[in-house]
PDB file of N, CA and C in Angstrom:
ATOM      1  N   MET A   1       0.785  -1.238   0.118  1.00  0.00           N
ATOM      2  CA  MET A   1       0.161  -0.101   0.339  1.00  0.00           C
ATOM      3  C   MET A   1       1.039   1.399  -0.276  1.00  0.00           C
ATOM      4  N   ALA A   2       1.968   1.127   1.045  1.00  0.00           N
ATOM      5  CA  ALA A   2       2.663   2.246   0.939  1.00  0.00           C
ATOM      6  C   ALA A   2       3.425   2.457  -0.274  1.00  0.00           C
ATOM      7  N   VAL A   3       3.778   1.431  -0.893  1.00  0.00           N
ATOM      8  CA  VAL A   3       4.572   1.460  -2.572  1.00  0.00           C
ATOM      9  C   VAL A   3       3.766   2.238  -3.478  1.00  0.00           C
ATOM     10  N   ALA A   4       2.523   1.758  -3.263  1.00  0.00           N
ATOM     11  CA  ALA A   4       2.001   2.575  -4.474  1.00  0.00           C
ATOM     12  C   ALA A   4       1.517   3.965  -4.171  1.00  0.00           C
ATOM     13  N   MET A   5       1.063   4.332  -2.565  1.00  0.00           N
ATOM     14  CA  MET A   5       0.967   5.520  -2.622  1.00  0.00           C
ATOM     15  C   MET A   5       2.198   6.216  -2.858  1.00  0.00           C
ATOM     16  N   ALA A   6       3.796   6.069  -2.605  1.00  0.00           N
ATOM     17  CA  ALA A   6       4.637   6.629  -2.965  1.00  0.00           C
ATOM     18  C   ALA A   6       5.018   6.651  -4.722  1.00  0.00           C
ATOM     19  N   LEU A   7       4.527   5.849  -5.232  1.00  0.00           N
ATOM     20  CA  LEU A   7       4.605   5.767  -6.659  1.00  0.00           C
ATOM     21  C   LEU A   7       3.652   6.953  -7.329  1.00  0.00           C
ATOM     22  N   GLU A   8       2.067   7.091  -6.554  1.00  0.00           N
ATOM     23  CA  GLU A   8       1.262   7.707  -6.974  1.00  0.00           C
ATOM     24  C   GLU A   8       1.669   9.409  -6.624  1.00  0.00           C
ATOM     25  N   GLU A   9       2.329   9.651  -5.617  1.00  0.00           N
ATOM     26  CA  GLU A   9       2.956  10.677  -5.308  1.00  0.00           C
ATOM     27  C   GLU A   9       3.750  11.051  -6.163  1.00  0.00           C
ATOM     28  N   GLN A  10       4.797  10.524  -6.579  1.00  0.00           N
ATOM     29  CA  GLN A  10       6.178  10.450  -7.574  1.00  0.00           C
ATOM     30  C   GLN A  10       5.293  10.885  -8.860  1.00  0.00           C
ATOM     31  N   GLY A  11       4.248   9.977  -9.443  1.00  0.00           N
ATOM     32  CA  GLY A  11       3.922  10.393 -10.601  1.00  0.00           C
ATOM     33  C   GLY A  11       3.245  11.727 -10.524  1.00  0.00           C
ATOM     34  N   ARG A  12       2.952  12.240  -9.393  1.00  0.00           N
ATOM     35  CA  ARG A  12       2.224  13.603  -9.289  1.00  0.00           C
ATOM     36  C   ARG A  12       3.169  14.618  -9.978  1.00  0.00           C
ATOM     37  N   ARG A  13       4.031  14.751  -8.856  1.00  0.00           N
ATOM     38  CA  ARG A  13       5.455  15.610  -8.794  1.00  0.00           C
ATOM     39  C   ARG A  13       5.778  15.529 -10.432  1.00  0.00           C
ATOM     40  N   VAL A  14       5.906  14.557 -10.946  1.00  0.00           N
ATOM     41  CA  VAL A  14       6.316  14.573 -12.155  1.00  0.00           C
ATOM     42  C   VAL A  14       5.726  15.560 -13.379  1.00  0.00           C
ATOM     43  N   ASN A  15       4.231  14.750 -13.298  1.00  0.00           N
ATOM     44  CA  ASN A  15       2.991  15.901 -13.796  1.00  0.00           C
ATOM     45  C   ASN A  15       3.259  17.303 -13.680  1.00  0.00           C
ATOM     46  N   LYS A  16       3.467  17.546 -12.278  1.00  0.00           N
ATOM     47  CA  LYS A  16       3.628  19.039 -12.157  1.00  0.00           C
ATOM     48  C   LYS A  16       4.638  19.707 -12.342  1.00  0.00           C
ATOM     49  N   ARG A  17       5.932  19.245 -12.788  1.00  0.00           N
ATOM     50  CA  ARG A  17       7.113  19.296 -12.940  1.00  0.00           C
ATOM     51  C   ARG A  17       6.949  19.642 -14.837  1.00  0.00           C
ATOM     52  N   ASN A  18       6.367  18.678 -15.291  1.00  0.00           N
ATOM     53  CA  ASN A  18       6.122  18.890 -16.753  1.00  0.00           C
ATOM     54  C   ASN A  18       4.935  20.013 -17.081  1.00  0.00           C
ATOM     55  N   HIS A  19       4.494  20.026 -16.457  1.00  0.00           N
ATOM     56  CA  HIS A  19       3.232  21.532 -16.527  1.00  0.00           C
ATOM     57  C   HIS A  19       3.957  22.709 -16.307  1.00  0.00           C
ATOM     58  N   ASN A  20       4.661  22.706 -15.602  1.00  0.00           N
ATOM     59  CA  ASN A  20       5.623  23.899 -14.930  1.00  0.00           C
ATOM     60  C   ASN A  20       6.877  23.860 -16.103  1.00  0.00           C
ATOM     61  N   LEU A  21       7.208  23.026 -16.956  1.00  0.00           N
ATOM     62  CA  LEU A  21       8.055  23.287 -17.885  1.00  0.00           C
ATOM     63  C   LEU A  21       7.352  23.757 -19.184  1.00  0.00           C
ATOM     64  N   ARG A  22       5.988  23.054 -19.473  1.00  0.00           N
ATOM     65  CA  ARG A  22       5.153  23.780 -20.293  1.00  0.00           C
ATOM     66  C   ARG A  22       4.733  25.343 -20.096  1.00  0.00           C
ATOM     67  N   GLN A  23       4.688  25.751 -19.171  1.00  0.00           N
ATOM     68  CA  GLN A  23       4.610  26.803 -18.427  1.00  0.00           C
ATOM     69  C   GLN A  23       5.292  27.793 -18.947  1.00  0.00           C
ATOM     70  N   ASN A  24       6.303  27.336 -18.791  1.00  0.00           N
ATOM     71  CA  ASN A  24       7.772  28.098 -18.701  1.00  0.00           C
ATOM     72  C   ASN A  24       8.411  28.476 -20.172  1.00  0.00           C
ATOM     73  N   GLN A  25       7.685  27.510 -21.293  1.00  0.00           N
ATOM     74  CA  GLN A  25       8.445  27.401 -22.313  1.00  0.00           C
ATOM     75  C   GLN A  25       8.446  28.938 -23.222  1.00  0.00           C
ATOM     76  N   GLY A  26       7.182  29.863 -22.514  1.00  0.00           N
ATOM     77  CA  GLY A  26       7.220  30.960 -23.429  1.00  0.00           C
ATOM     78  C   GLY A  26       8.077  32.095 -22.797  1.00  0.00           C
ATOM     79  N   LYS A  27       8.808  32.277 -21.741  1.00  0.00           N
ATOM     80  CA  LYS A  27       9.044  33.013 -21.190  1.00  0.00           C
ATOM     81  C   LYS A  27      10.573  33.539 -21.487  1.00  0.00           C
ATOM     82  N   ASN A  28      11.285  32.724 -22.084  1.00  0.00           N
ATOM     83  CA  ASN A  28      12.618  33.114 -22.984  1.00  0.00           C
ATOM     84  C   ASN A  28      12.648  33.468 -24.192  1.00  0.00           C
ATOM     85  N   ARG A  29      11.527  33.098 -24.901  1.00  0.00           N
ATOM     86  CA  ARG A  29      11.383  33.727 -26.433  1.00  0.00           C
ATOM     87  C   ARG A  29      12.049  35.019 -26.745  1.00  0.00           C
ATOM     88  N   ALA A  30      11.869  36.141 -25.714  1.00  0.00           N
ATOM     89  CA  ALA A  30      12.616  37.536 -26.138  1.00  0.00           C
ATOM     90  C   ALA A  30      14.064  37.273 -26.272  1.00  0.00           C
ATOM     91  N   GLY A  31      14.756  36.523 -25.646  1.00  0.00           N
ATOM     92  CA  GLY A  31      16.031  36.262 -25.762  1.00  0.00           C
ATOM     93  C   GLY A  31      16.776  36.778 -24.295  1.00  0.00           C
ATOM     94  N   LYS A  32      15.528  36.668 -23.231  1.00  0.00           N
ATOM     95  CA  LYS A  32      16.134  37.224 -21.767  1.00  0.00           C
ATOM     96  C   LYS A  32      16.893  35.888 -21.404  1.00  0.00           C
ATOM     97  N   ASN A  33      17.526  36.266 -20.707  1.00  0.00           N
ATOM     98  CA  ASN A  33      18.314  34.842 -19.572  1.00  0.00           C
ATOM     99  C   ASN A  33      18.927  34.083 -20.641  1.00  0.00           C
ATOM    100  N   CYS A  34      19.465  34.617 -21.819  1.00  0.00           N
ATOM    101  CA  CYS A  34      20.120  33.941 -23.035  1.00  0.00           C
ATOM    102  C   CYS A  34      21.857  33.781 -22.127  1.00  0.00           C
ATOM    103  N   SER A  35      22.115  32.341 -22.157  1.00  0.00           N
ATOM    104  CA  SER A  35      23.791  32.051 -21.704  1.00  0.00           C
ATOM    105  C   SER A  35      24.708  32.573 -22.378  1.00  0.00           C
ATOM    106  N   LEU A  36      24.165  32.531 -23.768  1.00  0.00           N
ATOM    107  CA  LEU A  36      25.504  33.112 -24.643  1.00  0.00           C
ATOM    108  C   LEU A  36      24.881  33.954 -25.624  1.00  0.00           C
ATOM    109  N   ILE A  37      25.652  35.068 -25.486  1.00  0.00           N
ATOM    110  CA  ILE A  37      24.764  36.073 -26.220  1.00  0.00           C
ATOM    111  C   ILE A  37      24.961  36.179 -27.868  1.00  0.00           C
ATOM    112  N   PHE A  38      25.955  35.727 -28.375  1.00  0.00           N
ATOM    113  CA  PHE A  38      26.084  35.423 -29.405  1.00  0.00           C
ATOM    114  C   PHE A  38      24.868  34.810 -30.343  1.00  0.00           C
ATOM    115  N   ILE A  39      24.300  34.117 -29.489  1.00  0.00           N
ATOM    116  CA  ILE A  39      23.103  33.287 -29.952  1.00  0.00           C
ATOM    117  C   ILE A  39      21.939  34.108 -30.016  1.00  0.00           C
ATOM    118  N   THR A  40      21.396  34.718 -31.272  1.00  0.00           N
ATOM    119  CA  THR A  40      20.357  36.025 -30.769  1.00  0.00           C
ATOM    120  C   THR A  40      18.987  35.368 -30.848  1.00  0.00           C
ATOM    121  N   GLN A  41      18.990  34.165 -31.650  1.00  0.00           N
ATOM    122  CA  GLN A  41      17.543  33.714 -32.203  1.00  0.00           C
ATOM    123  C   GLN A  41      17.022  32.977 -31.213  1.00  0.00           C
ATOM    124  N   ASP A  42      15.686  33.158 -30.687  1.00  0.00           N
ATOM    125  CA  ASP A  42      14.895  33.039 -29.684  1.00  0.00           C
ATOM    126  C   ASP A  42      14.745  31.467 -29.240  1.00  0.00           C
ATOM    127  N   TYR A  43      14.393  30.971 -30.435  1.00  0.00           N
ATOM    128  CA  TYR A  43      14.609  29.091 -30.164  1.00  0.00           C
ATOM    129  C   TYR A  43      15.919  28.525 -29.964  1.00  0.00           C
ATOM    130  N   TYR A  44      16.738  29.377 -30.057  1.00  0.00           N
ATOM    131  CA  TYR A  44      18.054  28.645 -29.420  1.00  0.00           C
ATOM    132  C   TYR A  44      18.429  29.079 -28.297  1.00  0.00           C
ATOM    133  N   CYS A  45      17.982  30.250 -27.783  1.00  0.00           N
ATOM    134  CA  CYS A  45      17.992  30.615 -26.165  1.00  0.00           C
ATOM    135  C   CYS A  45      17.275  29.933 -25.452  1.00  0.00           C
ATOM    136  N   HIS A  46      15.927  29.843 -26.039  1.00  0.00           N
ATOM    137  CA  HIS A  46      14.854  28.742 -25.096  1.00  0.00           C
ATOM    138  C   HIS A  46      15.506  27.518 -25.030  1.00  0.00           C
ATOM    139  N   ASN A  47      16.335  26.518 -26.127  1.00  0.00           N
ATOM    140  CA  ASN A  47      16.626  25.353 -25.882  1.00  0.00           C
ATOM    141  C   ASN A  47      17.754  25.524 -25.132  1.00  0.00           C
ATOM    142  N   TYR A  48      18.785  26.772 -25.168  1.00  0.00           N
ATOM    143  CA  TYR A  48      20.011  26.892 -24.292  1.00  0.00           C
ATOM    144  C   TYR A  48      19.591  26.902 -22.978  1.00  0.00           C
ATOM    145  N   ASN A  49      18.202  27.312 -22.725  1.00  0.00           N
ATOM    146  CA  ASN A  49      18.027  27.318 -21.271  1.00  0.00           C
ATOM    147  C   ASN A  49      17.252  26.297 -20.415  1.00  0.00           C
ATOM    148  N   ALA A  50      16.836  25.216 -21.303  1.00  0.00           N
ATOM    149  CA  ALA A  50      16.017  24.402 -21.060  1.00  0.00           C
ATOM    150  C   ALA A  50      16.702  23.645 -20.054  1.00  0.00           C
ATOM    151  N   LYS A  51      15.645  23.316 -19.059  1.00  0.00           N
ATOM    152  CA  LYS A  51      16.152  22.525 -17.845  1.00  0.00           C
ATOM    153  C   LYS A  51      16.401  20.802 -18.193  1.00  0.00           C
ATOM    154  N   ASN A  52      15.485  20.319 -19.106  1.00  0.00           N
ATOM    155  CA  ASN A  52      15.210  18.972 -19.523  1.00  0.00           C
ATOM    156  C   ASN A  52      16.889  18.575 -20.018  1.00  0.00           C
ATOM    157  N   ILE A  53      17.308  17.439 -20.101  1.00  0.00           N
ATOM    158  CA  ILE A  53      18.420  17.068 -20.593  1.00  0.00           C
ATOM    159  C   ILE A  53      18.462  16.899 -22.221  1.00  0.00           C
ATOM    160  N   GLU A  54      17.352  16.563 -22.370  1.00  0.00           N
ATOM    161  CA  GLU A  54      17.255  16.740 -24.219  1.00  0.00           C
ATOM    162  C   GLU A  54      17.578  17.981 -24.803  1.00  0.00           C
ATOM    163  N   GLY A  55      17.051  18.931 -23.987  1.00  0.00           N
ATOM    164  CA  GLY A  55      17.225  20.145 -24.593  1.00  0.00           C
ATOM    165  C   GLY A  55      18.814  20.969 -24.311  1.00  0.00           C
ATOM    166  N   ARG A  56      19.571  20.166 -23.377  1.00  0.00           N
ATOM    167  CA  ARG A  56      20.733  20.605 -23.248  1.00  0.00           C
ATOM    168  C   ARG A  56      21.553  19.859 -23.999  1.00  0.00           C
ATOM    169  N   ILE A  57      21.282  18.949 -24.519  1.00  0.00           N
ATOM    170  CA  ILE A  57      21.981  17.914 -25.339  1.00  0.00           C
ATOM    171  C   ILE A  57      21.919  18.826 -26.623  1.00  0.00           C
ATOM    172  N   PHE A  58      20.714  18.883 -27.055  1.00  0.00           N
ATOM    173  CA  PHE A  58      20.246  19.954 -28.266  1.00  0.00           C
ATOM    174  C   PHE A  58      20.853  21.252 -28.463  1.00  0.00           C
ATOM    175  N   SER A  59      21.106  21.643 -27.361  1.00  0.00           N
ATOM    176  CA  SER A  59      21.707  23.060 -27.238  1.00  0.00           C
ATOM    177  C   SER A  59      23.492  22.867 -27.694  1.00  0.00           C
ATOM    178  N   LEU A  60      23.909  21.649 -27.178  1.00  0.00           N
ATOM    179  CA  LEU A  60      25.507  21.492 -26.922  1.00  0.00           C
ATOM    180  C   LEU A  60      25.711  21.245 -28.684  1.00  0.00           C
ATOM    181  N   ILE A  61      25.084  20.221 -29.346  1.00  0.00           N
ATOM    182  CA  ILE A  61      25.053  20.012 -30.457  1.00  0.00           C
ATOM    183  C   ILE A  61      25.229  20.973 -31.903  1.00  0.00           C
ATOM    184  N   LEU A  62      23.767  22.040 -31.259  1.00  0.00           N
ATOM    185  CA  LEU A  62      23.396  23.302 -32.147  1.00  0.00           C
ATOM    186  C   LEU A  62      24.892  24.309 -31.698  1.00  0.00           C
ATOM    187  N   LEU A  63      25.402  24.280 -30.731  1.00  0.00           N
ATOM    188  CA  LEU A  63      26.199  25.585 -30.296  1.00  0.00           C
ATOM    189  C   LEU A  63      27.537  24.840 -31.145  1.00  0.00           C
ATOM    190  N   LEU A  64      27.996  23.449 -31.124  1.00  0.00           N
ATOM    191  CA  LEU A  64      29.226  23.098 -31.886  1.00  0.00           C
ATOM    192  C   LEU A  64      28.898  23.404 -33.223  1.00  0.00           C
ATOM    193  N   LYS A  65      28.013  23.111 -33.897  1.00  0.00           N
ATOM    194  CA  LYS A  65      27.557  23.385 -35.276  1.00  0.00           C
ATOM    195  C   LYS A  65      28.017  24.975 -35.621  1.00  0.00           C
ATOM    196  N   LEU A  66      27.302  25.794 -34.631  1.00  0.00           N
ATOM    197  CA  LEU A  66      27.409  26.996 -34.707  1.00  0.00           C
ATOM    198  C   LEU A  66      29.095  27.507 -34.827  1.00  0.00           C
ATOM    199  N   THR A  67      29.843  26.789 -33.814  1.00  0.00           N
ATOM    200  CA  THR A  67      30.839  27.431 -33.632  1.00  0.00           C
ATOM    201  C   THR A  67      31.506  26.956 -34.802  1.00  0.00           C
ATOM    202  N   LEU A  68      31.635  25.809 -35.796  1.00  0.00           N
ATOM    203  CA  LEU A  68      32.428  25.343 -36.344  1.00  0.00           C
ATOM    204  C   LEU A  68      32.023  25.982 -37.984  1.00  0.00           C
ATOM    205  N   LYS A  69      30.645  26.467 -37.892  1.00  0.00           N
ATOM    206  CA  LYS A  69      30.365  27.357 -38.956  1.00  0.00           C
ATOM    207  C   LYS A  69      31.052  28.794 -38.724  1.00  0.00           C
ATOM    208  N   SER A  70      31.471  29.485 -37.894  1.00  0.00           N
ATOM    209  CA  SER A  70      31.969  30.504 -37.526  1.00  0.00           C
ATOM    210  C   SER A  70      33.620  30.671 -37.726  1.00  0.00           C
ATOM    211  N   LEU A  71      34.311  29.284 -37.528  1.00  0.00           N
ATOM    212  CA  LEU A  71      35.405  28.991 -37.918  1.00  0.00           C
ATOM    213  C   LEU A  71      35.645  28.106 -39.319  1.00  0.00           C
ATOM    214  N   LYS A  72      34.739  28.306 -40.293  1.00  0.00           N
ATOM    215  CA  LYS A  72      34.728  27.931 -41.486  1.00  0.00           C
ATOM    216  C   LYS A  72      35.160  26.653 -41.822  1.00  0.00           C
ATOM    217  N   VAL A  73      35.019  25.668 -40.870  1.00  0.00           N
ATOM    218  CA  VAL A  73      35.632  24.290 -41.110  1.00  0.00           C
ATOM    219  C   VAL A  73      34.836  23.499 -42.100  1.00  0.00           C
TER     220      VAL A  73
END
């Protein structure tokens, strides 16, 4: 019984976190809180600031691509 209650509570927390992530998605659209100033497009700023690991990995790959482009490699 205690295990079922703990799993239910954990599921509730995950759902709440996902809801909060969805609510916050539009907040960085203006380029505020952009960790890297030279990335000016809102979509890239938003992804760089993403708290989920998928967003961070995507941002690192994107950053690498932009760096290579700027070095003309």
